């Protein structure tokens, strides 16, 4: 089975909720915008039943250039990770 595209997801949600595709698209865009803003400010955004986006600080570390094998220093940086909720894991697995 192929992955669901954004358009297919919007159509399926519109069909299930009885809302128009435009309303569903506006809701999804608003949710995404809110998630980005919350993670940037508070460091975390929870989607109940699915999981949460978390801002994590990664320490500097040594790595290896796969092309040359030369060791390189990888600088510290902040990344965003998604942590799947237990209920989502149980439902899928």
N, C-alpha and C. Protein backbone atom coordinates (compact mmCIF):
# COMPACT_ATOMS: atom_id res chain seq x y z
N UNK A 1 0.84 -1.19 0.00
CA UNK A 1 0.00 0.00 0.00
C UNK A 1 0.89 1.25 0.00
N UNK A 2 0.55 2.20 -0.86
CA UNK A 2 1.34 3.43 -0.98
C UNK A 2 1.05 4.38 0.19
N UNK A 3 2.00 5.30 0.43
CA UNK A 3 1.81 6.30 1.48
C UNK A 3 0.68 7.25 1.09
N UNK A 4 -0.02 7.75 2.11
CA UNK A 4 -1.11 8.69 1.87
C UNK A 4 -0.52 10.08 1.64
N UNK A 5 -0.94 10.73 0.56
CA UNK A 5 -0.47 12.08 0.27
C UNK A 5 -1.28 13.09 1.09
N UNK A 6 -0.81 14.33 1.10
CA UNK A 6 -1.52 15.38 1.84
C UNK A 6 -2.93 15.56 1.28
N UNK A 7 -3.06 15.54 -0.03
CA UNK A 7 -4.35 15.70 -0.67
C UNK A 7 -5.30 14.56 -0.30
N UNK A 8 -4.78 13.34 -0.30
CA UNK A 8 -5.60 12.18 0.07
C UNK A 8 -6.02 12.27 1.54
N UNK A 9 -5.11 12.73 2.40
CA UNK A 9 -5.42 12.87 3.82
C UNK A 9 -6.52 13.91 4.02
N UNK A 10 -6.41 15.05 3.34
CA UNK A 10 -7.42 16.09 3.46
C UNK A 10 -8.78 15.59 2.98
N UNK A 11 -8.79 14.85 1.88
CA UNK A 11 -10.05 14.30 1.35
C UNK A 11 -10.67 13.32 2.33
N UNK A 12 -9.85 12.43 2.90
CA UNK A 12 -10.35 11.43 3.84
C UNK A 12 -10.90 12.09 5.10
N UNK A 13 -10.18 13.11 5.62
CA UNK A 13 -10.65 13.81 6.81
C UNK A 13 -11.94 14.58 6.53
N UNK A 14 -12.03 15.19 5.36
CA UNK A 14 -13.23 15.92 4.98
C UNK A 14 -14.42 14.97 4.91
N UNK A 15 -14.21 13.80 4.35
CA UNK A 15 -15.27 12.80 4.22
C UNK A 15 -15.71 12.30 5.60
N UNK A 16 -14.75 12.02 6.48
CA UNK A 16 -15.08 11.49 7.82
C UNK A 16 -15.76 12.52 8.72
N UNK A 17 -15.35 13.79 8.60
CA UNK A 17 -15.88 14.82 9.50
C UNK A 17 -17.09 15.55 8.94
N UNK A 18 -17.30 15.47 7.64
CA UNK A 18 -18.41 16.21 7.04
C UNK A 18 -18.08 17.66 6.76
N UNK A 19 -16.83 18.05 6.99
CA UNK A 19 -16.38 19.41 6.70
C UNK A 19 -15.92 19.49 5.25
N UNK A 20 -15.77 20.72 4.75
CA UNK A 20 -15.25 20.89 3.39
C UNK A 20 -13.74 20.67 3.41
N UNK A 21 -13.18 20.33 2.24
CA UNK A 21 -11.73 20.14 2.14
C UNK A 21 -11.00 21.43 2.52
N UNK A 22 -11.58 22.56 2.18
CA UNK A 22 -10.96 23.86 2.50
C UNK A 22 -10.90 24.06 4.01
N UNK A 23 -11.98 23.72 4.73
CA UNK A 23 -12.00 23.85 6.19
C UNK A 23 -10.97 22.92 6.83
N UNK A 24 -10.88 21.70 6.32
CA UNK A 24 -9.92 20.73 6.85
C UNK A 24 -8.49 21.22 6.58
N UNK A 25 -8.24 21.76 5.40
CA UNK A 25 -6.92 22.27 5.05
C UNK A 25 -6.54 23.44 5.96
N UNK A 26 -7.51 24.34 6.22
CA UNK A 26 -7.26 25.47 7.12
C UNK A 26 -6.96 24.98 8.54
N UNK A 27 -7.70 23.96 9.00
CA UNK A 27 -7.46 23.40 10.33
C UNK A 27 -6.06 22.80 10.41
N UNK A 28 -5.68 22.01 9.42
CA UNK A 28 -4.36 21.37 9.42
C UNK A 28 -3.25 22.41 9.40
N UNK A 29 -3.42 23.45 8.59
CA UNK A 29 -2.42 24.52 8.52
C UNK A 29 -2.30 25.24 9.87
N UNK A 30 -3.44 25.49 10.52
CA UNK A 30 -3.44 26.15 11.83
C UNK A 30 -2.78 25.27 12.88
N UNK A 31 -3.06 23.97 12.85
CA UNK A 31 -2.47 23.04 13.80
C UNK A 31 -0.95 22.98 13.62
N UNK A 32 -0.50 22.94 12.37
CA UNK A 32 0.93 22.91 12.08
C UNK A 32 1.61 24.18 12.55
N UNK A 33 1.01 25.31 12.26
CA UNK A 33 1.56 26.61 12.68
C UNK A 33 1.65 26.69 14.21
N UNK A 34 0.60 26.23 14.89
CA UNK A 34 0.58 26.23 16.35
C UNK A 34 1.67 25.31 16.90
N UNK A 35 1.84 24.14 16.29
CA UNK A 35 2.86 23.19 16.74
C UNK A 35 4.25 23.81 16.64
N UNK A 36 4.56 24.43 15.50
CA UNK A 36 5.87 25.06 15.32
C UNK A 36 6.11 26.14 16.37
N UNK A 37 5.10 26.98 16.60
CA UNK A 37 5.22 28.08 17.54
C UNK A 37 5.44 27.56 18.97
N UNK A 38 4.68 26.54 19.37
CA UNK A 38 4.80 25.97 20.71
C UNK A 38 6.15 25.29 20.93
N UNK A 39 6.62 24.54 19.94
CA UNK A 39 7.92 23.86 20.09
C UNK A 39 9.03 24.89 20.19
N UNK A 40 8.94 25.93 19.38
CA UNK A 40 9.96 26.97 19.40
C UNK A 40 9.98 27.69 20.75
N UNK A 41 8.79 27.99 21.31
CA UNK A 41 8.72 28.72 22.56
C UNK A 41 8.82 27.85 23.79
N UNK A 42 7.94 26.87 23.91
CA UNK A 42 7.86 26.04 25.13
C UNK A 42 8.73 24.79 25.06
N UNK A 43 9.17 24.43 23.86
CA UNK A 43 10.04 23.26 23.73
C UNK A 43 9.31 21.96 23.52
N UNK A 44 7.96 22.00 23.48
CA UNK A 44 7.20 20.76 23.34
C UNK A 44 5.78 21.06 22.86
N UNK A 45 5.24 20.17 22.02
CA UNK A 45 3.85 20.28 21.55
C UNK A 45 3.26 18.88 21.54
N UNK A 46 2.17 18.69 22.28
CA UNK A 46 1.55 17.37 22.41
C UNK A 46 0.33 17.25 21.51
N UNK A 47 0.26 16.14 20.75
CA UNK A 47 -0.94 15.78 20.00
C UNK A 47 -1.50 14.56 20.73
N UNK A 48 -2.54 14.74 21.55
CA UNK A 48 -3.05 13.64 22.37
C UNK A 48 -3.37 12.40 21.54
N UNK A 49 -2.90 11.26 22.01
CA UNK A 49 -3.16 9.99 21.34
C UNK A 49 -2.19 9.67 20.22
N UNK A 50 -1.36 10.63 19.83
CA UNK A 50 -0.40 10.40 18.75
C UNK A 50 1.03 10.51 19.25
N UNK A 51 1.35 11.62 19.89
CA UNK A 51 2.70 11.80 20.40
C UNK A 51 3.00 13.27 20.62
N UNK A 52 4.30 13.59 20.70
CA UNK A 52 4.65 14.99 20.91
C UNK A 52 5.94 15.34 20.18
N UNK A 53 5.99 16.60 19.75
CA UNK A 53 7.20 17.18 19.17
C UNK A 53 7.98 17.77 20.33
N UNK A 54 9.28 17.47 20.38
CA UNK A 54 10.12 17.94 21.48
C UNK A 54 11.40 18.56 20.93
N UNK A 55 11.75 19.73 21.47
CA UNK A 55 13.01 20.37 21.10
C UNK A 55 14.10 19.82 22.01
N UNK A 56 15.18 19.27 21.41
CA UNK A 56 16.24 18.62 22.17
C UNK A 56 17.59 19.23 21.79
N UNK A 57 18.44 19.47 22.80
CA UNK A 57 19.79 19.97 22.54
C UNK A 57 20.73 18.79 22.41
N UNK A 58 21.45 18.71 21.28
CA UNK A 58 22.41 17.64 21.04
C UNK A 58 23.81 18.15 21.34
N UNK A 59 24.58 17.38 22.09
CA UNK A 59 25.95 17.78 22.43
C UNK A 59 26.86 17.67 21.20
N UNK A 60 27.99 18.37 21.27
CA UNK A 60 29.01 18.24 20.22
C UNK A 60 29.60 16.83 20.33
N UNK A 61 29.99 16.27 19.19
CA UNK A 61 30.54 14.92 19.21
C UNK A 61 31.48 14.72 18.03
N UNK A 62 32.24 13.64 18.11
CA UNK A 62 33.13 13.29 17.01
C UNK A 62 32.37 12.38 16.05
N UNK A 63 32.58 12.60 14.76
CA UNK A 63 31.95 11.78 13.73
C UNK A 63 32.99 11.36 12.71
N UNK A 64 32.54 10.69 11.68
CA UNK A 64 33.45 10.22 10.65
C UNK A 64 32.86 10.55 9.28
N UNK A 65 33.68 11.14 8.41
CA UNK A 65 33.27 11.42 7.05
C UNK A 65 33.20 10.08 6.32
N UNK A 66 32.02 9.65 5.86
CA UNK A 66 31.91 8.34 5.23
C UNK A 66 32.69 8.22 3.91
N UNK A 67 32.92 9.32 3.24
CA UNK A 67 33.63 9.27 1.97
C UNK A 67 35.14 9.07 2.16
N UNK A 68 35.71 9.75 3.17
CA UNK A 68 37.16 9.70 3.34
C UNK A 68 37.60 8.92 4.57
N UNK A 69 36.68 8.70 5.51
CA UNK A 69 37.04 8.02 6.75
C UNK A 69 37.69 8.95 7.77
N UNK A 70 37.86 10.20 7.40
CA UNK A 70 38.49 11.18 8.29
C UNK A 70 37.56 11.54 9.44
N UNK A 71 38.11 11.64 10.67
CA UNK A 71 37.31 12.04 11.81
C UNK A 71 37.04 13.54 11.75
N UNK A 72 35.81 13.92 12.09
CA UNK A 72 35.44 15.34 12.08
C UNK A 72 34.70 15.66 13.37
N UNK A 73 34.74 16.93 13.76
CA UNK A 73 34.02 17.40 14.93
C UNK A 73 32.64 17.86 14.48
N UNK A 74 31.59 17.29 15.07
CA UNK A 74 30.23 17.69 14.77
C UNK A 74 29.80 18.65 15.88
N UNK A 75 29.42 19.89 15.53
CA UNK A 75 29.09 20.88 16.56
C UNK A 75 27.77 20.57 17.27
N UNK A 76 27.59 21.14 18.46
CA UNK A 76 26.34 21.02 19.20
C UNK A 76 25.25 21.74 18.43
N UNK A 77 24.02 21.23 18.53
CA UNK A 77 22.91 21.91 17.87
C UNK A 77 21.59 21.48 18.52
N UNK A 78 20.56 22.25 18.24
CA UNK A 78 19.23 21.94 18.73
C UNK A 78 18.45 21.30 17.59
N UNK A 79 17.76 20.20 17.90
CA UNK A 79 16.98 19.48 16.89
C UNK A 79 15.56 19.26 17.41
N UNK A 80 14.65 18.92 16.51
CA UNK A 80 13.28 18.60 16.89
C UNK A 80 13.08 17.10 16.69
N UNK A 81 12.54 16.43 17.72
CA UNK A 81 12.27 15.00 17.63
C UNK A 81 10.78 14.77 17.86
N UNK A 82 10.28 13.67 17.31
CA UNK A 82 8.89 13.28 17.55
C UNK A 82 8.89 12.02 18.40
N UNK A 83 8.21 12.09 19.53
CA UNK A 83 8.10 10.93 20.43
C UNK A 83 6.69 10.38 20.33
N UNK A 84 6.57 9.15 19.90
CA UNK A 84 5.27 8.52 19.71
C UNK A 84 4.69 8.12 21.07
N UNK A 85 3.38 8.36 21.25
CA UNK A 85 2.74 8.02 22.52
C UNK A 85 2.57 6.52 22.67
N UNK A 86 2.44 6.08 23.91
CA UNK A 86 2.28 4.65 24.19
C UNK A 86 1.00 4.11 23.53
N UNK A 87 -0.08 4.90 23.58
CA UNK A 87 -1.34 4.43 23.00
C UNK A 87 -1.23 4.27 21.47
N UNK A 88 -0.45 5.14 20.81
CA UNK A 88 -0.24 5.00 19.37
C UNK A 88 0.60 3.77 19.07
N UNK A 89 1.63 3.53 19.86
CA UNK A 89 2.45 2.32 19.67
C UNK A 89 1.62 1.08 19.83
N UNK A 90 0.80 1.04 20.88
CA UNK A 90 -0.05 -0.12 21.13
C UNK A 90 -1.05 -0.36 20.00
N UNK A 91 -1.61 0.72 19.46
CA UNK A 91 -2.59 0.59 18.38
C UNK A 91 -1.96 0.11 17.08
N UNK A 92 -0.74 0.56 16.80
CA UNK A 92 -0.08 0.21 15.54
C UNK A 92 0.65 -1.12 15.63
N UNK A 93 1.33 -1.36 16.75
CA UNK A 93 2.11 -2.57 16.89
C UNK A 93 1.27 -3.63 17.56
